[in-house]
Protein backbone atom coordinates (compact mmCIF):
# COMPACT_ATOMS: atom_id res chain seq x y z
CA UNK A 1 -45.77 158.92 254.86
CA UNK A 2 -47.07 157.48 251.63
CA UNK A 3 -47.05 153.71 251.28
CA UNK A 4 -44.07 151.49 250.54
CA UNK A 5 -41.00 152.58 248.62
CA UNK A 6 -37.87 150.97 247.20
CA UNK A 7 -36.50 148.00 249.18
CA UNK A 8 -39.58 148.03 251.39
CA UNK A 9 -38.83 151.42 252.88
CA UNK A 10 -41.74 153.69 253.61
CA UNK A 11 -41.88 156.75 251.37
CA UNK A 12 -41.59 159.92 253.44
CA UNK A 13 -42.49 163.37 252.21
CA UNK A 14 -39.66 165.83 251.75
CA UNK A 15 -40.15 168.77 254.08
CA UNK A 16 -37.18 171.03 253.34
CA UNK A 17 -33.49 171.43 252.66
CA UNK A 18 -30.78 170.17 254.96
CA UNK A 19 -30.57 172.56 257.90
CA UNK A 20 -33.79 174.42 257.08
CA UNK A 21 -36.22 175.23 259.88
CA UNK A 22 -38.87 172.85 258.56
CA UNK A 23 -36.43 169.98 258.08
CA UNK A 24 -34.79 170.51 261.48
CA UNK A 25 -38.15 170.64 263.23
CA UNK A 26 -39.25 167.42 261.51
CA UNK A 27 -35.96 165.65 262.32
CA UNK A 28 -36.10 166.65 265.96
CA UNK A 29 -39.68 165.45 266.28
CA UNK A 30 -38.86 162.17 264.50
CA UNK A 31 -35.91 161.50 266.80
CA UNK A 32 -37.98 162.24 269.90
CA UNK A 33 -40.69 159.85 268.69
CA UNK A 34 -38.14 157.07 268.24
CA UNK A 35 -36.95 157.56 271.81
CA UNK A 36 -40.55 157.63 273.02
CA UNK A 37 -41.47 154.47 271.10
CA UNK A 38 -38.50 152.64 272.64
CA UNK A 39 -40.03 152.86 276.13
CA UNK A 40 -36.65 153.63 277.68
CA UNK A 41 -36.12 153.37 281.44
CA UNK A 42 -37.28 156.48 283.29
CA UNK A 43 -33.75 157.26 284.46
CA UNK A 44 -32.40 157.42 280.89
CA UNK A 45 -30.91 160.83 280.18
CA UNK A 46 -29.40 161.57 276.77
CA UNK A 47 -29.35 164.32 274.18
CA UNK A 48 -28.61 164.68 270.47
CA UNK A 49 -27.85 167.89 268.63
CA UNK A 50 -26.39 168.96 265.31
CA UNK A 51 -25.56 172.62 264.72
CA UNK A 52 -24.51 173.49 261.18
CA UNK A 53 -21.74 176.03 260.64
CA UNK A 54 -21.75 178.52 257.75
CA UNK A 55 -25.16 177.62 256.31
CA UNK A 56 -26.56 179.60 253.36
CA UNK A 57 -28.26 182.82 254.45
CA UNK A 58 -31.67 181.46 253.51
CA UNK A 59 -31.38 179.01 256.41
CA UNK A 60 -31.38 181.90 258.87
CA UNK A 61 -34.37 183.77 257.48
CA UNK A 62 -37.00 185.41 259.68
CA UNK A 63 -34.65 185.90 262.61
CA UNK A 64 -33.67 182.27 263.02
CA UNK A 65 -30.48 182.16 265.12
CA UNK A 66 -29.09 178.71 264.30
CA UNK A 67 -29.37 176.04 261.67
CA UNK A 68 -29.69 173.15 264.10
CA UNK A 69 -31.93 170.44 265.49
CA UNK A 70 -32.07 168.34 268.62
CA UNK A 71 -33.89 165.56 270.43
CA UNK A 72 -33.50 164.29 273.96
CA UNK A 73 -34.85 162.30 276.87
CA UNK A 74 -34.80 163.62 280.41
CA UNK A 75 -36.93 162.80 283.45
CA UNK A 76 -38.93 160.36 281.36
CA UNK A 77 -39.88 163.02 278.81
CA UNK A 78 -38.84 162.79 275.15
CA UNK A 79 -38.73 166.03 273.17
CA UNK A 80 -37.11 167.52 270.11
CA UNK A 81 -37.32 170.04 267.32
CA UNK A 82 -35.55 172.97 265.71
CA UNK A 83 -32.56 174.57 267.42
CA UNK A 84 -30.02 173.41 270.00
CA UNK A 85 -31.21 174.49 273.46
CA UNK A 86 -28.80 174.50 276.37
CA UNK A 87 -31.01 171.97 278.18
CA UNK A 88 -30.14 169.45 275.48
CA UNK A 89 -26.50 170.49 275.03
CA UNK A 90 -25.87 170.01 278.74
CA UNK A 91 -26.80 166.32 278.55
CA UNK A 92 -24.40 163.49 277.86
CA UNK A 93 -25.00 162.36 274.31
CA UNK A 94 -24.08 163.21 270.74
CA UNK A 95 -23.44 166.91 270.09
CA UNK A 96 -21.62 168.02 266.94
CA UNK A 97 -21.15 171.19 264.90
CA UNK A 98 -20.18 170.25 261.33
CA UNK A 99 -19.74 172.66 258.44
CA UNK A 100 -23.07 172.72 256.57
CA UNK A 101 -21.62 172.37 253.10
CA UNK A 102 -19.33 169.49 254.00
CA UNK A 103 -22.14 167.02 254.76
CA UNK A 104 -25.28 168.51 253.23
CA UNK A 105 -25.55 166.58 249.98
CA UNK A 106 -24.52 163.14 251.21
CA UNK A 107 -26.96 163.43 254.09
CA UNK A 108 -29.68 162.75 251.49
CA UNK A 109 -28.26 159.29 250.73
CA UNK A 110 -30.21 156.28 251.94
CA UNK A 111 -27.93 153.54 253.20
CA UNK A 112 -27.30 150.62 255.55
CA UNK A 113 -24.22 150.04 257.71
CA UNK A 114 -22.05 149.21 254.71
CA UNK A 115 -23.27 152.30 252.92
CA UNK A 116 -22.40 154.38 255.96
CA UNK A 117 -18.84 153.04 255.81
CA UNK A 118 -18.67 153.85 252.11
CA UNK A 119 -19.86 157.40 252.77
CA UNK A 120 -17.05 157.79 255.30
CA UNK A 121 -14.50 156.45 252.83
CA UNK A 122 -15.77 158.79 250.11
CA UNK A 123 -15.57 161.76 252.47
CA UNK A 124 -12.00 160.83 253.38
CA UNK A 125 -11.10 160.96 249.68
CA UNK A 126 -12.88 164.32 249.32
CA UNK A 127 -10.90 165.87 252.16
CA UNK A 128 -7.61 164.43 250.90
CA UNK A 129 -8.28 165.88 247.45
CA UNK A 130 -9.00 169.26 249.02
CA UNK A 131 -5.76 169.09 251.03
CA UNK A 132 -3.83 168.20 247.87
CA UNK A 133 -5.40 171.13 246.03
CA UNK A 134 -4.65 173.59 248.82
CA UNK A 135 -1.20 172.21 249.51
CA UNK A 136 -1.85 171.98 253.24
CA UNK A 137 -3.29 169.53 255.77
CA UNK A 138 -5.06 172.08 257.94
CA UNK A 139 -8.19 172.83 255.94
CA UNK A 140 -10.17 175.09 258.25
CA UNK A 141 -7.87 176.06 261.08
CA UNK A 142 -10.03 177.30 263.95
CA UNK A 143 -13.03 177.74 261.63
CA UNK A 144 -13.84 174.05 261.29
CA UNK A 145 -16.48 171.91 262.91
CA UNK A 146 -16.27 170.27 266.29
CA UNK A 147 -17.65 167.42 268.38
CA UNK A 148 -18.52 168.15 271.98
CA UNK A 149 -19.70 164.65 272.83
CA UNK A 150 -20.21 161.38 270.95
CA UNK A 151 -21.81 159.03 273.47
CA UNK A 152 -24.12 156.30 272.16
CA UNK A 153 -25.40 153.99 274.94
CA UNK A 154 -26.68 150.63 273.61
CA UNK A 155 -30.30 151.40 274.53
CA UNK A 156 -30.12 154.62 272.50
CA UNK A 157 -28.51 152.90 269.52
CA UNK A 158 -31.30 150.33 269.57
CA UNK A 159 -33.92 153.09 269.75
CA UNK A 160 -32.65 155.13 266.78
CA UNK A 161 -31.78 152.23 264.48
CA UNK A 162 -35.11 150.43 264.65
CA UNK A 163 -36.97 150.10 261.35
CA UNK A 164 -35.55 152.41 258.70
CA UNK A 165 -33.27 154.05 261.24
CA UNK A 166 -33.10 157.71 262.13
CA UNK A 167 -30.58 158.63 259.42
CA UNK A 168 -32.72 157.23 256.62
CA UNK A 169 -35.83 158.93 257.97
CA UNK A 170 -34.01 162.27 258.09
CA UNK A 171 -32.51 161.67 254.64
CA UNK A 172 -35.92 160.85 253.18
CA UNK A 173 -37.30 164.16 254.46
CA UNK A 174 -34.44 166.18 252.95
CA UNK A 175 -34.93 168.09 249.70
CA UNK A 176 -31.93 168.72 247.39
CA UNK A 177 -29.99 171.96 247.79
CA UNK A 178 -29.14 173.95 244.63
CA UNK A 179 -25.46 174.38 245.54
CA UNK A 180 -24.83 170.79 244.43
CA UNK A 181 -26.55 170.96 241.04
CA UNK A 182 -24.14 169.65 238.42
CA UNK A 183 -21.39 168.64 240.84
CA UNK A 184 -19.83 165.20 240.38
CA UNK A 185 -20.79 162.95 243.28
CA UNK A 186 -20.29 159.36 244.41
CA UNK A 187 -23.04 156.78 244.81
CA UNK A 188 -23.32 158.00 248.40
CA UNK A 189 -23.79 161.57 247.04
CA UNK A 190 -20.41 162.75 248.40
CA UNK A 191 -18.97 165.50 246.17
CA UNK A 192 -15.94 164.35 244.13
CA UNK A 193 -13.57 167.31 244.40
CA UNK A 194 -10.97 165.92 242.00
CA UNK A 195 -13.54 165.73 239.19
CA UNK A 196 -14.84 169.29 239.59
CA UNK A 197 -13.98 172.05 237.17
CA UNK A 198 -11.78 174.83 238.53
CA UNK A 199 -14.83 177.08 238.90
CA UNK A 200 -16.69 174.34 240.76
CA UNK A 201 -13.73 173.77 243.09
CA UNK A 202 -13.57 177.46 244.01
CA UNK A 203 -17.33 177.61 244.56
CA UNK A 204 -17.26 174.45 246.66
CA UNK A 205 -14.42 175.70 248.85
CA UNK A 206 -16.37 178.93 249.41
CA UNK A 207 -19.42 176.86 250.36
CA UNK A 208 -17.31 175.05 252.95
CA UNK A 209 -15.89 178.35 254.25
CA UNK A 210 -12.37 177.15 253.43
CA UNK A 211 -9.81 179.89 252.80
CA UNK A 212 -7.80 179.48 249.61
């Protein structure tokens, strides 16, 4: 970390692209530290994992099996890092598997609660525009992302929203990905599908693993 940034936020070094091994390792460690710093009751058991579907091949270099990260607390021990181990997945908590390309770029946006709502609204527009373009409501079929569990106990929410908050820490560590160069985006960095050229739309749908 390097001093104070815009709006009083601490500047954090970018460590890698969204879903990369370096970024996932850093996010997992950061989440685990936030749980540790919260001094949670010993009996607290909770896990967080994100596993990204259809990431670019470069994310799985050197034999890496998954583009994913996790952090957890169990038996009084806080841990985290790259990957999504079964020990974490088996815990009650927040476990999701989104399509990499559908959330990559906007995950770099720094925001507060209102900004988070705006991101969600922008994403809703993006998906509606894609549905209109395809002429169907079922975008992915069985290929889409999923949510296994979305449990956020109050003590965990307090732990991961202290200070800058986990999202903004992770966003600050994320480097841009080239797939989004030149794409129209909202203030929250959500791609604007309706404003893309035809070539950009086709490329973007391929990035999201959406059949045309």
